[in-house]
Amino acid sequence: MSFVHRPVYWLLAAVLSGCGGGGGGASSGTISDPPPTSAGTGQTLTLTLPASGLVAADLAVIVAEGDALSEAAGAAYVAARGVPAANLIRVRVNTASATLSAAEFALLKTDIDAKLAAAAPGVQATLLAWAAPSRVVGACAMGITSAMTLGYDTRYCNPSPATAVCTETAASPLYDSESRRPRADLQLRPSMLLGAATLAGAQALINRGVSADATRPAGEGWLVRTNDADRSVRWADFAALPAAWGGALQLNYVDNSGGAGSANALTGKAGVLFYLTGLRSVASLDTLQFRPGALADTLTSTGGLLPGGAGQMPITAWLDAGATASYGTVEEPCNFQQKFSRASVLIDHYWRGATAIEAYWKAVQWPGQGVFIGEPLAQPFRDTPTFAIVGGEYQIRTRALRPGSRYALQYRLGGGTTWATLAEFTGQRGQPLDGRAPLPPAAAVQIRWQGPCADNAASLCTLAQSS
């Protein structure tokens, strides 16, 4: 991680701008005289850097009351993850049906929202502990996780599915965002469907997610361009990633665009951490060994149309093969790349410390027709940031910096409202920050850490501040 080390007498050359949004940035400006450099009370100023990734207390587990599998899977999840008892919400839902009508869904969501408001208002995300229903059908179809997150709204799905009209849809506020608290920052709770058809399958999935945490796996990612041109439209994003990551992750781009169909699928690979491709059905999954926490999907029309995929491979096949989370669409999306995961965004957020539910939701720009499935809290690249005074200077360690974005450590003098910069840092892909900054002068009364805003990554906001 590169950084520019500014001594304490360096003055800001221009007023910082764009500190609105979720972080609530304070005013900034210049100071007229170099501050004193004696180390006094300034040495005691410290702060806590924000951690990436949701935790168990942030998640509500929604179970279908009276459904034995849903009740047991929900209980298993709560026990394995330590989810607070208040966050286990029981609702009436028909798990014998693959679909909910828009009217039925409206009643279900109203019930869930009311119960969350009463029992667990701080919840930031939800897990639906069932396999069906998986979609909401009205004038068009939405994946149930997208409807739960965004509300059922035809802006997010095709208005005329009967005539197979494919259109652009509304974008998700979560796409490639820096939000760590989606309910607080963006007024929505991302949702994921557990998707397991048996209790044994649910327990195996949960165990994979838990065992993935903080492992920082050295497994490989596979990004495959197949000879199915319509389903391989993500290939340009795939192709750039091995070089972009520069060995920080072992990513492999396979180009079979001109080859035989038999070479479209991986076989016999171990340690698979990412597998993104474009096929109607992916062969040889039973020959692969996925690492705990693995993310995998294929760009095809109806993989999310559970349980059967309407003749295409259902996304549950990825979980059955050992992946921990996946994504697919529930009605004809055409091959808009924005309706599927963008590998560069997915991998970046996951590596920087996001959980599976956050990384996947941030990777799909137009998710309305899709459904996210898996173990939401899997977090193989958990970030444990530290901010300490070592050897007479600040030491800042984190893997959460956004590539290309600016971060700054600043201080404010007593009686003043302006902020001066101690050090600036720029995020670099695949490189954790181990940065240093000088201590502020003795007259400093406050320090703050600034970076991209939760609701607008192009703007600068206060991410942490001393008391």
Protein backbone atom coordinates (compact mmCIF):
# COMPACT_ATOMS: atom_id res chain seq x y z
CA MET A 1 0.00 0.00 0.00
CA SER A 2 1.57 3.27 -1.04
CA PHE A 3 1.35 6.39 1.05
CA VAL A 4 2.60 9.95 1.24
CA HIS A 5 4.05 10.81 4.65
CA ARG A 6 3.41 14.46 5.54
CA PRO A 7 5.29 16.03 8.51
CA VAL A 8 3.28 17.82 11.14
CA TYR A 9 4.16 21.24 9.79
CA TRP A 10 2.75 20.48 6.34
CA LEU A 11 -0.30 22.67 5.67
CA LEU A 12 -3.36 21.81 3.61
CA ALA A 13 -3.17 23.56 0.26
CA ALA A 14 -6.89 23.50 -0.42
CA VAL A 15 -10.11 23.05 1.44
CA LEU A 16 -11.24 19.42 1.43
CA SER A 17 -14.61 18.99 -0.23
CA GLY A 18 -17.38 16.42 -0.53
CA CYS A 19 -17.57 15.41 3.12
CA GLY A 20 -21.34 14.92 3.03
CA GLY A 21 -23.17 11.63 2.98
CA GLY A 22 -23.19 8.81 5.46
CA GLY A 23 -19.88 9.68 7.11
CA GLY A 24 -20.81 13.21 8.12
CA GLY A 25 -17.45 14.85 7.35
CA ALA A 26 -16.43 17.91 9.35
CA SER A 27 -15.10 21.21 7.96
CA SER A 28 -11.51 21.39 6.76
CA GLY A 29 -9.14 24.14 5.75
CA THR A 30 -5.68 25.66 6.22
CA ILE A 31 -3.89 26.89 9.30
CA SER A 32 -1.72 29.97 9.20
CA ASP A 33 1.28 29.01 11.33
CA PRO A 34 3.22 25.76 11.77
CA PRO A 35 1.93 24.08 14.92
CA PRO A 36 4.33 23.25 17.74
CA THR A 37 5.99 19.87 17.31
CA SER A 38 6.59 18.89 20.93
CA ALA A 39 5.11 15.55 21.83
CA GLY A 40 2.68 16.14 24.67
CA THR A 41 -0.99 15.41 25.03
CA GLY A 42 -1.07 14.66 21.31
CA GLN A 43 0.52 11.27 22.05
CA THR A 44 -2.63 10.18 23.87
CA LEU A 45 -4.95 10.82 20.91
CA THR A 46 -6.07 7.60 19.32
CA LEU A 47 -9.08 6.17 17.54
CA THR A 48 -10.62 2.88 16.49
CA LEU A 49 -10.58 2.11 12.77
CA PRO A 50 -13.85 0.77 11.37
CA ALA A 51 -13.85 -2.98 10.78
CA SER A 52 -15.16 -4.45 7.54
CA GLY A 53 -17.81 -7.11 7.48
CA LEU A 54 -21.11 -7.76 9.20
CA VAL A 55 -21.16 -9.82 12.40
CA ALA A 56 -23.68 -12.21 13.92
CA ALA A 57 -25.52 -9.46 15.80
CA ASP A 58 -26.11 -7.66 12.48
CA LEU A 59 -28.02 -10.58 10.94
CA ALA A 60 -31.63 -11.66 11.38
CA VAL A 61 -32.48 -15.29 10.64
CA ILE A 62 -35.99 -15.60 9.21
CA VAL A 63 -37.59 -19.05 9.55
CA ALA A 64 -40.82 -20.44 8.19
CA GLU A 65 -42.87 -21.21 11.29
CA GLY A 66 -44.05 -24.81 11.36
CA ASP A 67 -41.72 -25.97 8.60
CA ALA A 68 -39.46 -28.58 10.23
CA LEU A 69 -36.53 -28.08 7.85
CA SER A 70 -36.62 -24.29 8.07
CA GLU A 71 -36.93 -24.34 11.85
CA ALA A 72 -34.04 -26.80 12.21
CA ALA A 73 -31.81 -25.01 9.69
CA GLY A 74 -32.48 -21.67 11.35
CA ALA A 75 -31.68 -23.07 14.78
CA ALA A 76 -28.49 -24.63 13.45
CA TYR A 77 -27.42 -21.31 11.97
CA VAL A 78 -28.14 -19.35 15.13
CA ALA A 79 -26.16 -21.84 17.21
CA ALA A 80 -23.19 -22.02 14.85
CA ARG A 81 -22.88 -18.27 14.38
CA GLY A 82 -23.95 -17.03 17.79
CA VAL A 83 -26.80 -14.97 16.37
CA PRO A 84 -28.73 -13.31 19.24
CA ALA A 85 -32.00 -15.04 20.11
CA ALA A 86 -33.92 -11.82 19.45
CA ASN A 87 -32.71 -11.94 15.85
CA LEU A 88 -34.52 -15.22 15.13
CA ILE A 89 -37.79 -14.19 13.48
CA ARG A 90 -40.61 -16.65 12.75
CA VAL A 91 -43.10 -15.94 9.97
CA ARG A 92 -45.86 -17.75 8.14
CA VAL A 93 -44.82 -18.58 4.58
CA ASN A 94 -45.81 -21.37 2.21
CA THR A 95 -42.61 -23.35 1.68
CA ALA A 96 -44.44 -25.83 -0.54
CA SER A 97 -44.59 -23.20 -3.29
CA ALA A 98 -41.66 -21.94 -5.37
CA THR A 99 -43.30 -18.54 -5.74
CA LEU A 100 -45.12 -15.84 -3.82
CA SER A 101 -47.53 -13.43 -5.44
CA ALA A 102 -46.74 -9.76 -5.07
CA ALA A 103 -49.67 -9.43 -2.68
CA GLU A 104 -48.53 -12.38 -0.56
CA PHE A 105 -45.03 -11.02 -0.45
CA ALA A 106 -46.24 -7.58 0.66
CA LEU A 107 -47.90 -9.17 3.68
CA LEU A 108 -44.79 -11.26 4.45
CA LYS A 109 -42.44 -8.29 4.25
CA THR A 110 -44.71 -6.14 6.39
CA ASP A 111 -44.72 -8.88 9.02
CA ILE A 112 -40.92 -9.25 8.94
CA ASP A 113 -40.31 -5.51 9.06
CA ALA A 114 -42.65 -5.11 12.03
CA LYS A 115 -41.05 -7.96 13.96
CA LEU A 116 -37.56 -6.62 13.27
CA ALA A 117 -38.57 -3.15 14.38
CA ALA A 118 -39.85 -4.57 17.65
CA ALA A 119 -37.18 -7.17 18.42
CA ALA A 120 -34.00 -6.27 16.55
CA PRO A 121 -34.09 -2.76 15.01
CA GLY A 122 -30.32 -2.67 14.56
CA VAL A 123 -30.25 -5.63 12.16
CA GLN A 124 -28.39 -4.86 8.94
CA ALA A 125 -29.12 -7.98 6.82
CA THR A 126 -31.38 -11.03 6.70
CA LEU A 127 -31.02 -14.74 6.01
CA LEU A 128 -34.12 -16.57 4.75
CA ALA A 129 -33.75 -20.06 6.19
CA TRP A 130 -35.61 -22.03 3.54
CA ALA A 131 -35.22 -23.28 -0.03
CA ALA A 132 -38.64 -22.15 -1.30
CA PRO A 133 -40.26 -19.82 -2.11
CA SER A 134 -37.41 -18.28 -4.07
CA ARG A 135 -39.13 -15.61 -6.13
CA VAL A 136 -41.95 -13.07 -6.14
CA VAL A 137 -44.23 -12.92 -9.17
CA GLY A 138 -46.43 -10.02 -10.21
CA ALA A 139 -46.18 -7.97 -13.38
CA CYS A 140 -42.66 -9.41 -13.50
CA ALA A 141 -40.53 -11.64 -11.29
CA MET A 142 -37.99 -10.68 -8.66
CA GLY A 143 -35.73 -12.99 -6.71
CA ILE A 144 -37.04 -13.18 -3.16
CA THR A 145 -33.77 -11.86 -1.73
CA SER A 146 -33.90 -8.82 -4.02
CA ALA A 147 -37.54 -8.20 -3.20
CA MET A 148 -36.78 -8.53 0.49
CA THR A 149 -33.95 -6.01 0.17
CA LEU A 150 -35.35 -3.50 -2.30
CA GLY A 151 -39.08 -4.12 -2.02
CA TYR A 152 -41.13 -5.62 -4.82
CA ASP A 153 -40.99 -2.98 -7.54
CA THR A 154 -41.27 -3.42 -11.31
CA ARG A 155 -38.38 -0.99 -11.79
CA TYR A 156 -36.17 -3.90 -10.76
CA CYS A 157 -37.52 -6.53 -13.17
CA ASN A 158 -38.69 -6.85 -16.76
CA PRO A 159 -42.13 -5.33 -17.25
CA SER A 160 -43.15 -7.78 -19.98
CA PRO A 161 -41.71 -11.24 -19.28
CA ALA A 162 -44.44 -12.94 -21.30
CA THR A 163 -43.04 -11.43 -24.48
CA ALA A 164 -39.41 -11.90 -23.36
CA VAL A 165 -38.72 -8.17 -23.53
CA CYS A 166 -35.35 -7.55 -21.92
CA THR A 167 -34.73 -4.12 -20.50
CA GLU A 168 -32.40 -2.23 -18.26
CA THR A 169 -33.54 -2.25 -14.64
CA ALA A 170 -33.00 -0.01 -11.65
CA ALA A 171 -29.60 -0.13 -9.98
CA SER A 172 -28.91 -1.21 -6.42
CA PRO A 173 -27.60 1.46 -4.04
CA LEU A 174 -25.27 -1.23 -2.67
CA TYR A 175 -23.41 -1.74 -5.95
CA ASP A 176 -19.68 -1.26 -5.34
CA SER A 177 -20.45 0.87 -2.31
CA GLU A 178 -18.29 1.42 0.75
CA SER A 179 -21.19 0.92 3.14
CA ARG A 180 -20.41 -1.15 6.22
CA ARG A 181 -23.84 -0.60 7.77
CA PRO A 182 -26.33 -0.90 4.89
CA ARG A 183 -29.45 -0.33 6.97
CA ALA A 184 -27.96 2.75 8.60
CA ASP A 185 -26.22 4.08 5.49
CA LEU A 186 -28.62 3.19 2.68
CA GLN A 187 -31.90 2.28 4.41
CA LEU A 188 -31.92 -1.30 3.15
CA ARG A 189 -31.03 -4.73 4.46
CA PRO A 190 -29.38 -7.10 1.97
CA SER A 191 -30.89 -10.57 2.06
CA MET A 192 -29.66 -14.07 1.22
CA LEU A 193 -31.51 -17.37 0.84
CA LEU A 194 -30.00 -20.36 2.62
CA GLY A 195 -31.19 -22.54 -0.24
CA ALA A 196 -30.52 -25.96 1.30
CA ALA A 197 -33.02 -28.71 0.51
CA THR A 198 -32.01 -30.95 3.44
CA LEU A 199 -30.85 -30.39 7.00
CA ALA A 200 -27.59 -32.18 6.25
CA GLY A 201 -27.02 -29.84 3.31
CA ALA A 202 -27.77 -26.81 5.49
CA GLN A 203 -25.38 -27.97 8.20
CA ALA A 204 -22.60 -28.65 5.69
CA LEU A 205 -23.08 -25.21 4.16
CA ILE A 206 -23.07 -23.50 7.56
CA ASN A 207 -19.93 -25.38 8.56
CA ARG A 208 -18.14 -24.29 5.40
CA GLY A 209 -18.98 -20.68 6.09
CA VAL A 210 -17.84 -20.80 9.70
CA SER A 211 -14.61 -22.64 8.88
CA ALA A 212 -13.76 -20.07 6.20
CA ASP A 213 -13.54 -17.15 8.62
CA ALA A 214 -10.22 -15.31 8.80
CA THR A 215 -8.36 -18.11 6.99
CA ARG A 216 -7.00 -15.83 4.24
CA PRO A 217 -6.96 -18.84 1.91
CA ALA A 218 -4.30 -19.31 -0.70
CA GLY A 219 -6.72 -21.04 -3.03
CA GLU A 220 -7.13 -20.17 -6.67
CA GLY A 221 -9.74 -18.26 -8.62
CA TRP A 222 -10.86 -19.43 -12.05
CA LEU A 223 -12.45 -17.05 -14.55
CA VAL A 224 -13.56 -18.93 -17.64
CA ARG A 225 -14.52 -17.61 -21.07
CA THR A 226 -16.37 -20.44 -22.78
CA ASN A 227 -17.32 -20.99 -26.41
CA ASP A 228 -20.85 -19.89 -25.49
CA ALA A 229 -20.42 -16.30 -26.67
CA ASP A 230 -23.78 -15.06 -25.40
CA ARG A 231 -23.07 -16.27 -21.88
CA SER A 232 -19.42 -15.18 -21.84
CA VAL A 233 -19.96 -11.44 -22.10
CA ARG A 234 -18.08 -10.92 -18.80
CA TRP A 235 -14.81 -12.09 -20.35
CA ALA A 236 -13.15 -8.65 -20.65
CA ASP A 237 -13.51 -8.12 -16.90
CA PHE A 238 -12.20 -11.66 -16.32
CA ALA A 239 -9.18 -11.24 -18.57
CA ALA A 240 -7.75 -8.22 -16.79
CA LEU A 241 -7.82 -9.66 -13.28
CA PRO A 242 -4.79 -11.99 -13.07
CA ALA A 243 -2.44 -9.11 -13.88
CA ALA A 244 -4.40 -6.60 -11.80
CA TRP A 245 -3.98 -8.71 -8.68
CA GLY A 246 -0.26 -9.20 -9.31
CA GLY A 247 0.06 -12.40 -7.32
CA ALA A 248 -1.80 -11.16 -4.23
CA LEU A 249 -4.42 -13.72 -5.27
CA GLN A 250 -3.78 -16.55 -7.69
CA LEU A 251 -6.37 -15.80 -10.36
CA ASN A 252 -6.49 -17.71 -13.61
CA TYR A 253 -8.17 -16.61 -16.83
CA VAL A 254 -9.11 -19.42 -19.20
CA ASP A 255 -10.08 -18.49 -22.76
CA ASN A 256 -11.91 -21.28 -24.53
CA SER A 257 -13.88 -18.99 -26.84
CA GLY A 258 -12.60 -20.80 -29.92
CA GLY A 259 -12.31 -24.27 -28.42
CA ALA A 260 -14.37 -27.40 -28.06
CA GLY A 261 -17.24 -27.61 -25.63
CA SER A 262 -15.44 -30.30 -23.67
CA ALA A 263 -12.86 -27.71 -22.60
CA ASN A 264 -15.42 -25.25 -21.25
CA ALA A 265 -15.43 -26.66 -17.72
CA LEU A 266 -12.73 -27.10 -15.11
CA THR A 267 -11.91 -30.63 -14.06
CA GLY A 268 -9.90 -32.02 -11.17
CA LYS A 269 -9.02 -28.67 -9.59
CA ALA A 270 -8.40 -28.34 -5.85
CA GLY A 271 -8.44 -25.26 -3.63
CA VAL A 272 -11.02 -23.46 -5.79
CA LEU A 273 -11.91 -20.13 -4.19
CA PHE A 274 -13.68 -18.38 -7.09
CA TYR A 275 -15.24 -19.97 -10.17
CA LEU A 276 -17.07 -17.62 -12.52
CA THR A 277 -18.10 -18.71 -16.00
CA GLY A 278 -20.82 -18.55 -18.63
CA LEU A 279 -22.66 -21.75 -19.51
CA ARG A 280 -26.19 -23.14 -19.51
CA SER A 281 -24.91 -25.97 -17.34
CA VAL A 282 -21.44 -26.46 -15.87
CA ALA A 283 -20.02 -29.97 -16.12
CA SER A 284 -17.60 -31.81 -13.83
CA LEU A 285 -18.41 -29.96 -10.61
CA ASP A 286 -18.08 -33.25 -8.78
CA THR A 287 -14.37 -33.36 -9.70
CA LEU A 288 -13.60 -30.04 -8.01
CA GLN A 289 -12.62 -29.25 -4.44
CA PHE A 290 -13.90 -25.89 -3.27
CA ARG A 291 -12.33 -24.08 -0.36
CA PRO A 292 -14.60 -23.03 2.50
CA GLY A 293 -15.95 -19.60 1.62
CA ALA A 294 -15.79 -20.19 -2.16
CA LEU A 295 -18.00 -18.05 -4.41
CA ALA A 296 -19.17 -19.42 -7.76
CA ASP A 297 -21.74 -18.63 -10.46
CA THR A 298 -22.48 -18.91 -14.15
CA LEU A 299 -24.12 -16.33 -16.40
CA THR A 300 -27.26 -18.01 -17.71
CA SER A 301 -30.92 -17.09 -17.80
CA THR A 302 -32.73 -19.18 -15.21
CA GLY A 303 -30.19 -20.57 -12.76
CA GLY A 304 -32.07 -18.84 -9.95
CA LEU A 305 -35.41 -20.29 -11.01
CA LEU A 306 -35.45 -22.78 -8.16
CA PRO A 307 -35.75 -25.61 -7.59
CA GLY A 308 -35.05 -26.92 -11.09
CA GLY A 309 -33.54 -24.06 -13.08
CA ALA A 310 -36.09 -24.51 -15.90
CA GLY A 311 -33.76 -26.82 -17.80
CA GLN A 312 -30.60 -24.92 -16.89
CA MET A 313 -28.29 -25.66 -13.99
CA PRO A 314 -29.82 -24.34 -10.77
CA ILE A 315 -27.54 -22.26 -8.59
CA THR A 316 -28.05 -24.76 -5.76
CA ALA A 317 -25.78 -27.11 -7.75
CA TRP A 318 -22.86 -24.84 -6.79
CA LEU A 319 -23.68 -25.30 -3.11
CA ASP A 320 -24.12 -29.04 -3.56
CA ALA A 321 -20.62 -29.15 -5.11
CA GLY A 322 -19.05 -27.33 -2.13
CA ALA A 323 -19.28 -23.61 -2.87
CA THR A 324 -20.45 -21.36 -0.03
CA ALA A 325 -22.48 -18.76 -1.95
CA SER A 326 -23.84 -18.18 -5.44
CA TYR A 327 -26.21 -16.04 -7.49
CA GLY A 328 -28.55 -16.47 -10.44
CA THR A 329 -31.58 -14.94 -12.13
CA VAL A 330 -35.24 -15.96 -11.86
CA GLU A 331 -36.60 -14.67 -15.16
CA GLU A 332 -35.10 -13.96 -18.57
CA PRO A 333 -32.55 -11.18 -17.98
CA CYS A 334 -30.92 -11.29 -21.43
CA ASN A 335 -27.16 -11.16 -21.07
CA PHE A 336 -26.82 -7.73 -19.51
CA GLN A 337 -23.56 -7.94 -17.57
CA GLN A 338 -25.03 -5.63 -14.95
CA LYS A 339 -27.57 -8.31 -13.99
CA PHE A 340 -24.82 -10.71 -12.93
CA SER A 341 -21.84 -10.49 -10.62
CA ARG A 342 -18.88 -8.41 -11.76
CA ALA A 343 -15.79 -10.43 -10.87
CA SER A 344 -13.51 -7.44 -10.30
CA VAL A 345 -15.93 -5.95 -7.76
CA LEU A 346 -16.83 -9.27 -6.12
CA ILE A 347 -13.24 -10.34 -5.53
CA ASP A 348 -12.08 -6.90 -4.39
CA HIS A 349 -14.73 -6.47 -1.70
CA TYR A 350 -14.32 -10.07 -0.49
CA TRP A 351 -10.54 -9.69 -0.21
CA ARG A 352 -10.90 -6.39 1.67
CA GLY A 353 -12.93 -8.06 4.40
CA ALA A 354 -16.56 -8.16 3.30
CA THR A 355 -18.76 -11.11 4.17
CA ALA A 356 -20.22 -13.26 1.39
CA ILE A 357 -23.57 -11.46 1.49
CA GLU A 358 -21.91 -8.04 1.26
CA ALA A 359 -19.45 -8.99 -1.47
CA TYR A 360 -22.13 -10.56 -3.67
CA TRP A 361 -24.62 -7.75 -3.18
CA LYS A 362 -21.97 -5.15 -3.96
CA ALA A 363 -20.99 -7.03 -7.13
CA VAL A 364 -24.38 -6.98 -8.93
CA GLN A 365 -25.44 -3.61 -10.30
CA TRP A 366 -28.97 -4.59 -11.40
CA PRO A 367 -29.91 -7.43 -8.99
CA GLY A 368 -33.70 -7.21 -9.09
CA GLN A 369 -34.22 -10.35 -11.17
CA GLY A 370 -31.67 -12.31 -9.16
CA VAL A 371 -31.50 -14.41 -6.03
CA PHE A 372 -28.49 -14.65 -3.71
CA ILE A 373 -28.00 -17.98 -1.94
CA GLY A 374 -25.55 -19.38 0.58
CA GLU A 375 -24.02 -18.70 3.98
CA PRO A 376 -24.08 -14.92 4.41
CA LEU A 377 -21.45 -14.39 7.11
CA ALA A 378 -18.62 -16.38 5.51
CA GLN A 379 -15.59 -14.07 5.74
CA PRO A 380 -12.31 -15.71 4.71
CA PHE A 381 -10.46 -12.38 4.42
CA ARG A 382 -11.64 -10.82 7.67
CA ASP A 383 -9.96 -7.49 8.34
CA THR A 384 -8.75 -6.75 11.86
CA PRO A 385 -7.56 -3.16 11.57
CA THR A 386 -5.24 -1.69 14.17
CA PHE A 387 -4.33 1.88 15.06
CA ALA A 388 -1.53 2.21 17.59
CA ILE A 389 1.35 4.40 18.75
CA VAL A 390 4.61 2.58 18.03
CA GLY A 391 8.07 4.12 18.30
CA GLY A 392 6.76 7.65 18.65
CA GLU A 393 4.47 7.58 15.62
CA TYR A 394 1.14 6.21 14.56
CA GLN A 395 1.01 2.77 12.96
CA ILE A 396 -2.07 2.04 10.83
CA ARG A 397 -2.77 -1.47 9.60
CA THR A 398 -5.79 -2.55 7.56
CA ARG A 399 -6.64 -4.40 4.36
CA ALA A 400 -9.87 -2.46 3.81
CA LEU A 401 -8.63 0.46 1.67
CA ARG A 402 -10.48 0.88 -1.63
CA PRO A 403 -8.11 0.69 -4.63
CA GLY A 404 -7.39 4.14 -6.01
CA SER A 405 -9.15 6.00 -3.23
CA ARG A 406 -7.58 8.56 -0.93
CA TYR A 407 -7.45 8.24 2.86
CA ALA A 408 -6.13 10.82 5.31
CA LEU A 409 -5.23 11.05 9.00
CA GLN A 410 -5.92 14.56 10.26
CA TYR A 411 -5.83 16.53 13.50
CA ARG A 412 -7.53 19.58 14.94
CA LEU A 413 -6.04 22.09 17.40
CA GLY A 414 -7.87 23.17 20.55
CA GLY A 415 -10.23 26.06 19.93
CA GLY A 416 -10.04 25.57 16.15
CA THR A 417 -12.44 24.18 13.55
CA THR A 418 -9.94 23.46 10.78
CA TRP A 419 -8.14 20.18 10.19
CA ALA A 420 -4.55 19.63 9.12
CA THR A 421 -3.24 16.43 7.56
CA LEU A 422 -0.63 14.21 9.19
CA ALA A 423 -0.47 11.61 6.43
CA GLU A 424 -2.27 10.55 3.26
CA PHE A 425 -2.64 7.05 1.85
CA THR A 426 -3.90 5.63 -1.45
CA GLY A 427 -5.46 2.20 -1.63
CA GLN A 428 -3.79 -0.32 -3.93
CA ARG A 429 -5.41 -3.55 -5.07
CA GLY A 430 -4.30 -6.60 -3.14
CA GLN A 431 -1.95 -4.70 -0.82
CA PRO A 432 -2.73 -4.27 2.87
CA LEU A 433 -1.82 -0.96 4.41
CA ASP A 434 1.00 -0.90 6.95
CA GLY A 435 1.33 2.86 7.19
CA ARG A 436 3.02 5.33 9.47
CA ALA A 437 2.12 8.89 10.44
CA PRO A 438 3.69 11.41 12.82
CA LEU A 439 1.96 12.22 16.08
CA PRO A 440 0.05 15.50 16.19
CA PRO A 441 1.37 18.49 18.15
CA ALA A 442 0.72 18.82 21.87
CA ALA A 443 -2.05 21.36 21.25
CA ALA A 444 -4.08 18.89 19.15
CA VAL A 445 -7.36 17.87 20.74
CA GLN A 446 -8.79 15.51 18.13
CA ILE A 447 -7.77 13.26 15.25
CA ARG A 448 -9.85 11.69 12.51
CA TRP A 449 -9.56 9.09 9.74
CA GLN A 450 -11.11 10.03 6.42
CA GLY A 451 -11.92 7.99 3.34
CA PRO A 452 -14.64 7.23 0.76
CA CYS A 453 -18.22 7.88 1.86
CA ALA A 454 -20.58 4.97 2.42
CA ASP A 455 -23.14 6.32 -0.04
CA ASN A 456 -20.75 7.91 -2.54
CA ALA A 457 -17.26 6.48 -2.82
CA ALA A 458 -16.11 9.46 -4.88
CA SER A 459 -16.59 11.78 -1.90
CA LEU A 460 -14.59 12.01 1.32
CA CYS A 461 -16.14 11.37 4.72
CA THR A 462 -15.03 10.89 8.30
CA LEU A 463 -14.80 7.14 8.96
CA ALA A 464 -13.48 7.32 12.54
CA GLN A 465 -12.79 10.12 15.00
CA SER A 466 -11.31 10.42 18.47
CA SER A 467 -13.58 11.61 21.26
